[in-house]
């Protein structure tokens, strides 16, 4: 991650050798740096407290692009490319925050979507993704307020969520943001 601690990025050459495990060779450093950044913003502090209280397990694994997935009800897989110099800390921390929110959703009344082809499940899936995308806007907004770095905001734009982010920043209602979100995803 280009802006991370020097020790984090220096092991790139060592990682090229490979391994027979999916665990990222710098898993502990990646996780510590992501948690450190999240601990500096209000939403991150809230999510980290939830993660600790619920004993969420976070595993950093090697992947082609920064991403996350949730396994079961309490396990997060945070994907990080082997070459950490090509990854932004803000993006990785945001992914960790969204993953924790994904685990938190059923605790706040957002059911975990199932992949059944029913109208109810289609609604649950849309609600799930809306909530995760709004969480991304919240985290990005707080990271931007913390350090004025625009690269993470640019990523939101690249993902097609600039209008939603601006609506979030300007204090639009949840319904207005939902309308913007559904209009943008239906346009794809």
N, C-alpha and C. Protein backbone atom coordinates (compact mmCIF):
# COMPACT_ATOMS: atom_id res chain seq x y z
N UNK A 1 0.86 -1.15 0.00
CA UNK A 1 0.00 0.00 0.00
C UNK A 1 0.91 1.21 0.00
N UNK A 2 0.77 2.02 -1.01
CA UNK A 2 1.75 3.06 -1.23
C UNK A 2 1.94 4.01 -0.06
N UNK A 3 0.95 4.26 0.73
CA UNK A 3 1.09 5.22 1.81
C UNK A 3 1.25 4.56 3.17
N UNK A 4 1.48 3.28 3.19
CA UNK A 4 1.58 2.57 4.46
C UNK A 4 2.98 2.63 5.03
N UNK A 5 3.12 2.07 6.18
CA UNK A 5 4.41 2.02 6.83
C UNK A 5 5.44 1.37 5.91
N UNK A 6 6.68 1.83 6.00
CA UNK A 6 7.75 1.31 5.15
C UNK A 6 7.88 -0.21 5.26
N UNK A 7 7.77 -0.73 6.48
CA UNK A 7 7.94 -2.17 6.66
C UNK A 7 6.89 -2.97 5.90
N UNK A 8 5.73 -2.38 5.69
CA UNK A 8 4.66 -3.08 5.00
C UNK A 8 5.02 -3.32 3.54
N UNK A 9 5.53 -2.31 2.86
CA UNK A 9 5.79 -2.43 1.44
C UNK A 9 7.12 -3.05 1.07
N UNK A 10 8.04 -3.17 1.99
CA UNK A 10 9.37 -3.66 1.68
C UNK A 10 9.45 -5.16 1.43
N UNK A 11 8.45 -5.89 1.74
CA UNK A 11 8.54 -7.33 1.60
C UNK A 11 8.05 -7.84 0.25
N UNK A 12 7.78 -6.92 -0.69
CA UNK A 12 7.25 -7.31 -1.99
C UNK A 12 8.07 -8.36 -2.70
N UNK A 13 9.39 -8.23 -2.69
CA UNK A 13 10.25 -9.19 -3.38
C UNK A 13 10.17 -10.56 -2.72
N UNK A 14 10.06 -10.58 -1.41
CA UNK A 14 9.98 -11.85 -0.69
C UNK A 14 8.70 -12.60 -1.04
N UNK A 15 7.65 -11.86 -1.33
CA UNK A 15 6.36 -12.48 -1.58
C UNK A 15 6.31 -13.16 -2.94
N UNK A 16 7.16 -12.74 -3.87
CA UNK A 16 7.13 -13.31 -5.21
C UNK A 16 7.45 -14.81 -5.20
N UNK A 17 8.12 -15.26 -4.17
CA UNK A 17 8.48 -16.68 -4.08
C UNK A 17 7.25 -17.57 -3.96
N UNK A 18 6.18 -17.04 -3.42
CA UNK A 18 4.95 -17.81 -3.32
C UNK A 18 4.88 -18.64 -2.06
N UNK A 19 3.77 -19.31 -1.91
CA UNK A 19 3.50 -20.09 -0.71
C UNK A 19 2.38 -21.06 -1.03
N UNK A 20 2.22 -22.06 -0.21
CA UNK A 20 1.14 -23.02 -0.44
C UNK A 20 -0.09 -22.68 0.38
N UNK A 21 -0.16 -21.48 0.92
CA UNK A 21 -1.31 -21.07 1.71
C UNK A 21 -1.91 -19.81 1.10
N UNK A 22 -3.18 -19.59 1.35
CA UNK A 22 -3.84 -18.39 0.88
C UNK A 22 -3.59 -17.21 1.80
N UNK A 23 -3.11 -17.46 3.01
CA UNK A 23 -2.84 -16.38 3.94
C UNK A 23 -1.81 -15.44 3.34
N UNK A 24 -2.12 -14.16 3.40
CA UNK A 24 -1.20 -13.16 2.87
C UNK A 24 0.06 -13.15 3.71
N UNK A 25 1.24 -13.08 3.07
CA UNK A 25 2.49 -13.12 3.84
C UNK A 25 2.62 -11.97 4.85
N UNK A 26 1.93 -10.89 4.62
CA UNK A 26 1.98 -9.75 5.53
C UNK A 26 0.63 -9.53 6.20
N UNK A 27 -0.10 -10.60 6.41
CA UNK A 27 -1.46 -10.52 6.92
C UNK A 27 -1.57 -9.67 8.19
N UNK A 28 -0.71 -9.91 9.14
CA UNK A 28 -0.79 -9.19 10.41
C UNK A 28 -0.56 -7.69 10.22
N UNK A 29 0.40 -7.34 9.39
CA UNK A 29 0.69 -5.92 9.14
C UNK A 29 -0.48 -5.27 8.41
N UNK A 30 -1.01 -5.95 7.39
CA UNK A 30 -2.16 -5.41 6.65
C UNK A 30 -3.32 -5.14 7.61
N UNK A 31 -3.64 -6.12 8.43
CA UNK A 31 -4.75 -5.98 9.36
C UNK A 31 -4.50 -4.86 10.37
N UNK A 32 -3.31 -4.80 10.92
CA UNK A 32 -2.99 -3.75 11.90
C UNK A 32 -3.11 -2.36 11.29
N UNK A 33 -2.61 -2.20 10.06
CA UNK A 33 -2.68 -0.89 9.40
C UNK A 33 -4.13 -0.50 9.09
N UNK A 34 -4.92 -1.45 8.63
CA UNK A 34 -6.33 -1.17 8.34
C UNK A 34 -7.08 -0.80 9.62
N UNK A 35 -6.86 -1.56 10.67
CA UNK A 35 -7.51 -1.26 11.94
C UNK A 35 -7.04 0.08 12.50
N UNK A 36 -5.77 0.40 12.31
CA UNK A 36 -5.25 1.67 12.79
C UNK A 36 -5.95 2.84 12.10
N UNK A 37 -6.11 2.75 10.79
CA UNK A 37 -6.80 3.82 10.07
C UNK A 37 -8.26 3.89 10.49
N UNK A 38 -8.93 2.76 10.56
CA UNK A 38 -10.34 2.77 10.98
C UNK A 38 -10.50 3.33 12.38
N UNK A 39 -9.54 3.10 13.25
CA UNK A 39 -9.64 3.59 14.63
C UNK A 39 -9.55 5.10 14.72
N UNK A 40 -9.20 5.76 13.64
CA UNK A 40 -9.08 7.21 13.62
C UNK A 40 -10.35 7.92 13.17
N UNK A 41 -11.36 7.15 12.75
CA UNK A 41 -12.61 7.76 12.28
C UNK A 41 -13.77 7.23 13.12
N UNK A 42 -14.81 8.03 13.32
CA UNK A 42 -15.93 7.58 14.18
C UNK A 42 -16.59 6.28 13.74
N UNK A 43 -16.89 6.15 12.45
CA UNK A 43 -17.55 4.92 11.99
C UNK A 43 -16.62 3.73 12.13
N UNK A 44 -15.35 3.94 11.88
CA UNK A 44 -14.37 2.87 12.06
C UNK A 44 -14.28 2.42 13.49
N UNK A 45 -14.30 3.35 14.42
CA UNK A 45 -14.27 3.01 15.85
C UNK A 45 -15.49 2.18 16.22
N UNK A 46 -16.65 2.59 15.70
CA UNK A 46 -17.89 1.86 15.99
C UNK A 46 -17.82 0.44 15.43
N UNK A 47 -17.35 0.32 14.19
CA UNK A 47 -17.26 -1.00 13.56
C UNK A 47 -16.25 -1.89 14.26
N UNK A 48 -15.11 -1.33 14.63
CA UNK A 48 -14.10 -2.13 15.33
C UNK A 48 -14.61 -2.61 16.69
N UNK A 49 -15.37 -1.76 17.38
CA UNK A 49 -15.96 -2.17 18.66
C UNK A 49 -16.96 -3.31 18.44
N UNK A 50 -17.79 -3.19 17.41
CA UNK A 50 -18.73 -4.26 17.09
C UNK A 50 -17.98 -5.56 16.78
N UNK A 51 -16.94 -5.44 15.97
CA UNK A 51 -16.15 -6.61 15.60
C UNK A 51 -15.56 -7.30 16.83
N UNK A 52 -15.05 -6.50 17.74
CA UNK A 52 -14.47 -7.06 18.96
C UNK A 52 -15.55 -7.71 19.83
N UNK A 53 -16.67 -7.02 20.00
CA UNK A 53 -17.76 -7.56 20.83
C UNK A 53 -18.33 -8.85 20.27
N UNK A 54 -18.39 -8.94 18.95
CA UNK A 54 -18.96 -10.13 18.30
C UNK A 54 -17.90 -11.19 17.99
N UNK A 55 -16.68 -10.88 18.33
CA UNK A 55 -15.55 -11.80 18.09
C UNK A 55 -15.47 -12.23 16.62
N UNK A 56 -15.56 -11.23 15.75
CA UNK A 56 -15.45 -11.49 14.31
C UNK A 56 -14.01 -11.88 14.00
N UNK A 57 -13.87 -12.94 13.24
CA UNK A 57 -12.56 -13.40 12.81
C UNK A 57 -12.23 -12.75 11.46
N UNK A 58 -11.05 -12.14 11.37
CA UNK A 58 -10.62 -11.51 10.12
C UNK A 58 -9.35 -12.20 9.65
N UNK A 59 -9.40 -12.70 8.43
CA UNK A 59 -8.24 -13.35 7.82
C UNK A 59 -7.87 -12.54 6.58
N UNK A 60 -6.62 -12.17 6.47
CA UNK A 60 -6.14 -11.47 5.28
C UNK A 60 -5.54 -12.53 4.36
N UNK A 61 -6.10 -12.60 3.16
CA UNK A 61 -5.63 -13.59 2.20
C UNK A 61 -5.16 -12.90 0.93
N UNK A 62 -4.35 -13.59 0.18
CA UNK A 62 -3.82 -13.05 -1.07
C UNK A 62 -4.92 -13.08 -2.13
N UNK A 63 -5.00 -12.01 -2.88
CA UNK A 63 -5.97 -11.92 -3.96
C UNK A 63 -5.46 -10.99 -5.04
N UNK A 64 -6.11 -11.00 -6.18
CA UNK A 64 -5.65 -10.16 -7.29
C UNK A 64 -5.98 -8.69 -7.07
N UNK A 65 -7.13 -8.42 -6.45
CA UNK A 65 -7.54 -7.04 -6.21
C UNK A 65 -7.99 -6.90 -4.75
N UNK A 66 -7.92 -5.68 -4.22
CA UNK A 66 -8.44 -5.47 -2.87
C UNK A 66 -9.94 -5.75 -2.85
N UNK A 67 -10.37 -6.56 -1.91
CA UNK A 67 -11.78 -6.93 -1.85
C UNK A 67 -12.03 -7.59 -0.50
N UNK A 68 -13.25 -8.04 -0.29
CA UNK A 68 -13.59 -8.77 0.92
C UNK A 68 -14.72 -9.73 0.62
N UNK A 69 -14.87 -10.69 1.48
CA UNK A 69 -16.03 -11.56 1.46
C UNK A 69 -16.29 -11.99 2.89
N UNK A 70 -17.52 -12.36 3.14
CA UNK A 70 -17.91 -12.82 4.48
C UNK A 70 -18.27 -14.29 4.37
N UNK A 71 -17.75 -15.07 5.31
CA UNK A 71 -18.02 -16.51 5.34
C UNK A 71 -18.79 -16.80 6.62
N UNK A 72 -19.94 -17.40 6.47
CA UNK A 72 -20.75 -17.70 7.65
C UNK A 72 -21.25 -16.42 8.31
N UNK A 73 -21.35 -16.46 9.63
CA UNK A 73 -21.89 -15.32 10.37
C UNK A 73 -20.84 -14.49 11.08
N UNK A 74 -19.58 -14.95 11.07
CA UNK A 74 -18.60 -14.24 11.89
C UNK A 74 -17.18 -14.24 11.35
N UNK A 75 -17.01 -14.52 10.06
CA UNK A 75 -15.66 -14.59 9.51
C UNK A 75 -15.55 -13.70 8.28
N UNK A 76 -14.53 -12.85 8.29
CA UNK A 76 -14.26 -11.94 7.19
C UNK A 76 -12.96 -12.38 6.51
N UNK A 77 -13.00 -12.44 5.20
CA UNK A 77 -11.80 -12.66 4.40
C UNK A 77 -11.50 -11.34 3.70
N UNK A 78 -10.39 -10.73 4.06
CA UNK A 78 -9.95 -9.48 3.45
C UNK A 78 -8.90 -9.83 2.40
N UNK A 79 -9.20 -9.56 1.15
CA UNK A 79 -8.29 -9.91 0.06
C UNK A 79 -7.35 -8.75 -0.22
N UNK A 80 -6.07 -9.06 -0.31
CA UNK A 80 -5.04 -8.06 -0.56
C UNK A 80 -4.04 -8.61 -1.56
N UNK A 81 -3.72 -7.84 -2.61
CA UNK A 81 -2.70 -8.30 -3.56
C UNK A 81 -1.36 -8.50 -2.85
N UNK A 82 -0.57 -9.41 -3.39
CA UNK A 82 0.75 -9.67 -2.83
C UNK A 82 1.64 -8.43 -2.87
N UNK A 83 1.58 -7.69 -3.97
CA UNK A 83 2.37 -6.47 -4.09
C UNK A 83 1.64 -5.34 -3.37
N UNK A 84 1.93 -5.17 -2.11
CA UNK A 84 1.21 -4.17 -1.31
C UNK A 84 1.56 -2.75 -1.70
N UNK A 85 2.63 -2.54 -2.44
CA UNK A 85 2.96 -1.19 -2.89
C UNK A 85 1.94 -0.67 -3.89
N UNK A 86 1.20 -1.55 -4.51
CA UNK A 86 0.20 -1.16 -5.51
C UNK A 86 -1.19 -1.00 -4.91
N UNK A 87 -1.30 -1.06 -3.59
CA UNK A 87 -2.59 -1.02 -2.91
C UNK A 87 -2.64 0.20 -2.00
N UNK A 88 -3.80 0.85 -1.96
CA UNK A 88 -3.97 1.99 -1.06
C UNK A 88 -4.53 1.53 0.28
N UNK A 89 -3.94 2.02 1.34
CA UNK A 89 -4.40 1.70 2.69
C UNK A 89 -5.86 2.09 2.87
N UNK A 90 -6.24 3.25 2.36
CA UNK A 90 -7.62 3.71 2.53
C UNK A 90 -8.62 2.72 1.91
N UNK A 91 -8.27 2.17 0.75
CA UNK A 91 -9.16 1.20 0.10
C UNK A 91 -9.26 -0.08 0.91
N UNK A 92 -8.12 -0.55 1.41
CA UNK A 92 -8.13 -1.78 2.22
C UNK A 92 -8.91 -1.57 3.51
N UNK A 93 -8.71 -0.43 4.16
CA UNK A 93 -9.43 -0.14 5.41
C UNK A 93 -10.93 -0.02 5.15
N UNK A 94 -11.28 0.60 4.04
CA UNK A 94 -12.70 0.71 3.67
C UNK A 94 -13.30 -0.67 3.44
N UNK A 95 -12.55 -1.54 2.78
CA UNK A 95 -13.04 -2.92 2.56
C UNK A 95 -13.25 -3.64 3.89
N UNK A 96 -12.33 -3.45 4.82
CA UNK A 96 -12.50 -4.08 6.13
C UNK A 96 -13.75 -3.53 6.81
N UNK A 97 -13.94 -2.23 6.75
CA UNK A 97 -15.14 -1.63 7.35
C UNK A 97 -16.43 -2.16 6.73
N UNK A 98 -16.45 -2.25 5.40
CA UNK A 98 -17.65 -2.77 4.73
C UNK A 98 -17.89 -4.23 5.08
N UNK A 99 -16.82 -5.00 5.22
CA UNK A 99 -16.96 -6.41 5.59
C UNK A 99 -17.56 -6.54 6.99
N UNK A 100 -17.08 -5.73 7.92
CA UNK A 100 -17.64 -5.77 9.28
C UNK A 100 -19.11 -5.37 9.24
N UNK A 101 -19.44 -4.34 8.45
CA UNK A 101 -20.83 -3.93 8.32
C UNK A 101 -21.68 -5.07 7.75
N UNK A 102 -21.13 -5.81 6.81
CA UNK A 102 -21.83 -6.94 6.24
C UNK A 102 -22.21 -7.94 7.34
N UNK A 103 -21.27 -8.20 8.25
CA UNK A 103 -21.56 -9.11 9.37
C UNK A 103 -22.58 -8.47 10.32
N UNK A 104 -22.53 -7.16 10.46
CA UNK A 104 -23.40 -6.45 11.39
C UNK A 104 -24.85 -6.35 10.89
N UNK A 105 -25.05 -6.40 9.61
CA UNK A 105 -26.38 -6.17 9.05
C UNK A 105 -27.51 -6.94 9.73
N UNK A 106 -27.42 -8.25 9.92
CA UNK A 106 -28.52 -8.96 10.57
C UNK A 106 -28.78 -8.48 12.01
N UNK A 107 -27.76 -7.94 12.65
CA UNK A 107 -27.90 -7.43 14.02
C UNK A 107 -28.68 -6.11 14.06
N UNK A 108 -28.80 -5.43 12.92
CA UNK A 108 -29.53 -4.16 12.86
C UNK A 108 -30.78 -4.27 11.99
N UNK A 109 -31.22 -5.49 11.74
CA UNK A 109 -32.49 -5.69 11.04
C UNK A 109 -32.41 -5.81 9.53
N UNK A 110 -31.22 -5.93 8.99
CA UNK A 110 -31.07 -6.13 7.54
C UNK A 110 -30.76 -7.60 7.33
N UNK A 111 -31.73 -8.36 6.84
CA UNK A 111 -31.51 -9.80 6.72
C UNK A 111 -30.42 -10.14 5.71
N UNK A 112 -29.73 -11.21 6.01
CA UNK A 112 -28.70 -11.70 5.09
C UNK A 112 -29.42 -12.23 3.84
N UNK A 113 -29.06 -11.71 2.67
CA UNK A 113 -29.77 -12.16 1.48
C UNK A 113 -29.39 -13.59 1.11
N UNK A 114 -30.37 -14.32 0.67
CA UNK A 114 -30.15 -15.66 0.14
C UNK A 114 -30.24 -15.57 -1.37
N UNK A 115 -29.68 -16.49 -2.03
CA UNK A 115 -29.67 -16.43 -3.49
C UNK A 115 -30.86 -17.19 -4.08
N UNK A 116 -32.02 -16.98 -3.49
CA UNK A 116 -33.25 -17.56 -4.04
C UNK A 116 -33.86 -16.56 -5.01
N UNK A 117 -34.46 -17.06 -6.04
CA UNK A 117 -35.06 -16.19 -7.04
C UNK A 117 -36.51 -15.90 -6.67
N UNK A 118 -36.69 -15.14 -5.61
CA UNK A 118 -38.03 -14.74 -5.18
C UNK A 118 -38.05 -13.22 -5.05
N UNK A 119 -39.22 -12.61 -5.15
CA UNK A 119 -39.30 -11.15 -4.99
C UNK A 119 -38.78 -10.68 -3.61
N UNK A 120 -39.03 -11.48 -2.59
CA UNK A 120 -38.57 -11.11 -1.25
C UNK A 120 -37.03 -11.09 -1.19
N UNK A 121 -36.41 -12.10 -1.79
CA UNK A 121 -34.96 -12.17 -1.78
C UNK A 121 -34.34 -11.11 -2.68
N UNK A 122 -35.01 -10.78 -3.76
CA UNK A 122 -34.52 -9.69 -4.61
C UNK A 122 -34.51 -8.39 -3.82
N UNK A 123 -35.56 -8.16 -3.04
CA UNK A 123 -35.63 -6.96 -2.20
C UNK A 123 -34.53 -6.99 -1.13
N UNK A 124 -34.32 -8.14 -0.51
CA UNK A 124 -33.29 -8.26 0.53
C UNK A 124 -31.90 -8.01 -0.06
N UNK A 125 -31.68 -8.51 -1.25
CA UNK A 125 -30.39 -8.32 -1.91
C UNK A 125 -30.15 -6.85 -2.23
N UNK A 126 -31.17 -6.19 -2.75
CA UNK A 126 -31.05 -4.76 -3.06
C UNK A 126 -30.80 -3.95 -1.78
N UNK A 127 -31.51 -4.29 -0.72
CA UNK A 127 -31.33 -3.58 0.56
C UNK A 127 -29.92 -3.81 1.11
N UNK A 128 -29.44 -5.04 1.00
CA UNK A 128 -28.09 -5.38 1.45
C UNK A 128 -27.05 -4.53 0.72
N UNK A 129 -27.11 -4.49 -0.61
CA UNK A 129 -26.11 -3.75 -1.38
C UNK A 129 -26.24 -2.24 -1.20
N UNK A 130 -27.45 -1.74 -1.06
CA UNK A 130 -27.62 -0.32 -0.76
C UNK A 130 -26.94 0.02 0.55
N UNK A 131 -27.17 -0.78 1.57
CA UNK A 131 -26.59 -0.51 2.89
C UNK A 131 -25.06 -0.57 2.84
N UNK A 132 -24.50 -1.55 2.17
CA UNK A 132 -23.05 -1.68 2.06
C UNK A 132 -22.47 -0.49 1.30
N UNK A 133 -23.16 -0.06 0.24
CA UNK A 133 -22.66 1.07 -0.55
C UNK A 133 -22.75 2.37 0.25
N UNK A 134 -23.81 2.54 1.03
CA UNK A 134 -23.90 3.71 1.90
C UNK A 134 -22.82 3.66 2.98
N UNK A 135 -22.51 2.47 3.46
CA UNK A 135 -21.42 2.32 4.44
C UNK A 135 -20.10 2.75 3.81
N UNK A 136 -19.89 2.37 2.55
CA UNK A 136 -18.69 2.78 1.85
C UNK A 136 -18.62 4.31 1.77
N UNK A 137 -19.73 4.95 1.45
CA UNK A 137 -19.77 6.42 1.38
C UNK A 137 -19.44 7.03 2.74
N UNK A 138 -19.99 6.46 3.79
CA UNK A 138 -19.75 6.97 5.15
C UNK A 138 -18.27 6.86 5.52
N UNK A 139 -17.68 5.71 5.27
CA UNK A 139 -16.26 5.50 5.59
C UNK A 139 -15.37 6.40 4.74
N UNK A 140 -15.64 6.46 3.44
CA UNK A 140 -14.84 7.31 2.55
C UNK A 140 -14.95 8.77 2.98
N UNK A 141 -16.14 9.20 3.33
CA UNK A 141 -16.33 10.58 3.77
C UNK A 141 -15.50 10.89 5.01
N UNK A 142 -15.50 9.97 5.97
CA UNK A 142 -14.75 10.19 7.20
C UNK A 142 -13.24 10.11 6.96
N UNK A 143 -12.81 9.23 6.07
CA UNK A 143 -11.39 9.17 5.73
C UNK A 143 -10.97 10.46 5.03
N UNK A 144 -11.81 10.93 4.13
CA UNK A 144 -11.51 12.19 3.44
C UNK A 144 -11.42 13.34 4.45
N UNK A 145 -12.35 13.40 5.38
CA UNK A 145 -12.31 14.46 6.39
C UNK A 145 -11.06 14.36 7.26
N UNK A 146 -10.57 13.14 7.45
CA UNK A 146 -9.39 12.91 8.28
C UNK A 146 -8.11 13.40 7.61
N UNK A 147 -7.95 13.09 6.32
CA UNK A 147 -6.65 13.38 5.70
C UNK A 147 -6.71 14.08 4.34
N UNK A 148 -7.91 14.45 3.89
CA UNK A 148 -8.10 15.18 2.63
C UNK A 148 -7.52 14.48 1.41
N UNK A 149 -7.35 13.18 1.48
CA UNK A 149 -6.87 12.44 0.31
C UNK A 149 -8.05 12.16 -0.60
N UNK A 150 -7.89 12.49 -1.87
CA UNK A 150 -9.00 12.34 -2.81
C UNK A 150 -8.97 11.02 -3.57
N UNK A 151 -7.89 10.25 -3.44
CA UNK A 151 -7.79 9.00 -4.20
C UNK A 151 -8.94 8.04 -3.86
N UNK A 152 -9.30 7.97 -2.59
CA UNK A 152 -10.40 7.08 -2.18
C UNK A 152 -11.73 7.60 -2.73
N UNK A 153 -11.89 8.91 -2.81
CA UNK A 153 -13.10 9.50 -3.41
C UNK A 153 -13.11 9.19 -4.90
N UNK A 154 -11.95 9.27 -5.54
CA UNK A 154 -11.86 8.93 -6.96
C UNK A 154 -12.27 7.48 -7.22
N UNK A 155 -11.94 6.60 -6.28
CA UNK A 155 -12.34 5.20 -6.42
C UNK A 155 -13.87 5.08 -6.41
N UNK A 156 -14.52 5.82 -5.55
CA UNK A 156 -16.00 5.82 -5.53
C UNK A 156 -16.55 6.25 -6.89
N UNK A 157 -15.93 7.27 -7.46
CA UNK A 157 -16.38 7.73 -8.77
C UNK A 157 -16.17 6.64 -9.82
N UNK A 158 -15.01 5.99 -9.77
CA UNK A 158 -14.71 4.90 -10.71
C UNK A 158 -15.74 3.78 -10.59
N UNK A 159 -16.21 3.54 -9.37
CA UNK A 159 -17.21 2.50 -9.14
C UNK A 159 -18.63 2.95 -9.53
N UNK A 160 -18.77 4.24 -9.90
CA UNK A 160 -20.06 4.75 -10.34
C UNK A 160 -20.93 5.28 -9.22
N UNK A 161 -20.33 5.61 -8.07
CA UNK A 161 -21.11 6.05 -6.92
C UNK A 161 -20.86 7.50 -6.53
N UNK A 162 -20.34 8.31 -7.44
CA UNK A 162 -20.03 9.71 -7.12
C UNK A 162 -21.30 10.48 -6.71
N UNK A 163 -22.37 10.29 -7.47
CA UNK A 163 -23.61 11.01 -7.16
C UNK A 163 -24.15 10.60 -5.79
N UNK A 164 -24.07 9.32 -5.47
CA UNK A 164 -24.52 8.84 -4.17
C UNK A 164 -23.63 9.42 -3.07
N UNK A 165 -22.33 9.44 -3.29
CA UNK A 165 -21.40 10.00 -2.31
C UNK A 165 -21.70 11.48 -2.07
N UNK A 166 -21.93 12.22 -3.14
CA UNK A 166 -22.25 13.64 -2.98
C UNK A 166 -23.57 13.83 -2.25
N UNK A 167 -24.53 12.95 -2.50
CA UNK A 167 -25.80 13.02 -1.77
C UNK A 167 -25.58 12.74 -0.29
N UNK A 168 -24.73 11.76 0.01
CA UNK A 168 -24.40 11.46 1.41
C UNK A 168 -23.73 12.66 2.06
N UNK A 169 -22.74 13.23 1.39
CA UNK A 169 -22.00 14.38 1.94
C UNK A 169 -22.91 15.58 2.17
N UNK A 170 -23.92 15.74 1.32
CA UNK A 170 -24.79 16.91 1.45
C UNK A 170 -25.96 16.67 2.41
N UNK A 171 -26.03 15.47 3.00
CA UNK A 171 -27.05 15.20 4.01
C UNK A 171 -28.42 14.83 3.47
N UNK A 172 -28.47 14.30 2.27
CA UNK A 172 -29.75 13.85 1.71
C UNK A 172 -30.36 12.75 2.58
N UNK A 173 -31.66 12.60 2.47
CA UNK A 173 -32.35 11.56 3.25
C UNK A 173 -32.00 10.19 2.72
N UNK A 174 -32.26 9.18 3.56
CA UNK A 174 -31.99 7.80 3.12
C UNK A 174 -32.81 7.45 1.87
N UNK A 175 -34.04 7.93 1.80
CA UNK A 175 -34.87 7.64 0.63
C UNK A 175 -34.30 8.28 -0.62
N UNK A 176 -33.83 9.53 -0.50
CA UNK A 176 -33.23 10.20 -1.66
C UNK A 176 -31.97 9.46 -2.11
N UNK A 177 -31.18 9.01 -1.14
CA UNK A 177 -29.97 8.27 -1.50
C UNK A 177 -30.32 6.93 -2.11
N UNK A 178 -31.36 6.27 -1.60
CA UNK A 178 -31.79 4.99 -2.17
C UNK A 178 -32.24 5.19 -3.62
N UNK A 179 -32.97 6.26 -3.88
CA UNK A 179 -33.42 6.54 -5.24
C UNK A 179 -32.23 6.74 -6.18
N UNK A 180 -31.22 7.47 -5.72
CA UNK A 180 -30.02 7.70 -6.52
C UNK A 180 -29.30 6.37 -6.77
N UNK A 181 -29.16 5.58 -5.72
CA UNK A 181 -28.47 4.30 -5.85
C UNK A 181 -29.17 3.37 -6.84
N UNK A 182 -30.50 3.20 -6.67
CA UNK A 182 -31.22 2.28 -7.53
C UNK A 182 -31.24 2.77 -8.98
N UNK A 183 -31.29 4.07 -9.15
CA UNK A 183 -31.24 4.62 -10.52
C UNK A 183 -29.88 4.30 -11.15
N UNK A 184 -28.80 4.43 -10.37
CA UNK A 184 -27.47 4.18 -10.93
C UNK A 184 -27.24 2.71 -11.23
N UNK A 185 -27.69 1.80 -10.36
CA UNK A 185 -27.46 0.37 -10.62
C UNK A 185 -28.39 -0.16 -11.70
N UNK A 186 -29.55 0.44 -11.86
CA UNK A 186 -30.46 0.01 -12.92
C UNK A 186 -30.02 0.52 -14.28
N UNK A 187 -29.17 1.56 -14.29
CA UNK A 187 -28.68 2.12 -15.55
C UNK A 187 -27.56 1.29 -16.15
N UNK A 188 -27.02 0.38 -15.36
CA UNK A 188 -25.89 -0.42 -15.84
C UNK A 188 -26.33 -1.50 -16.77
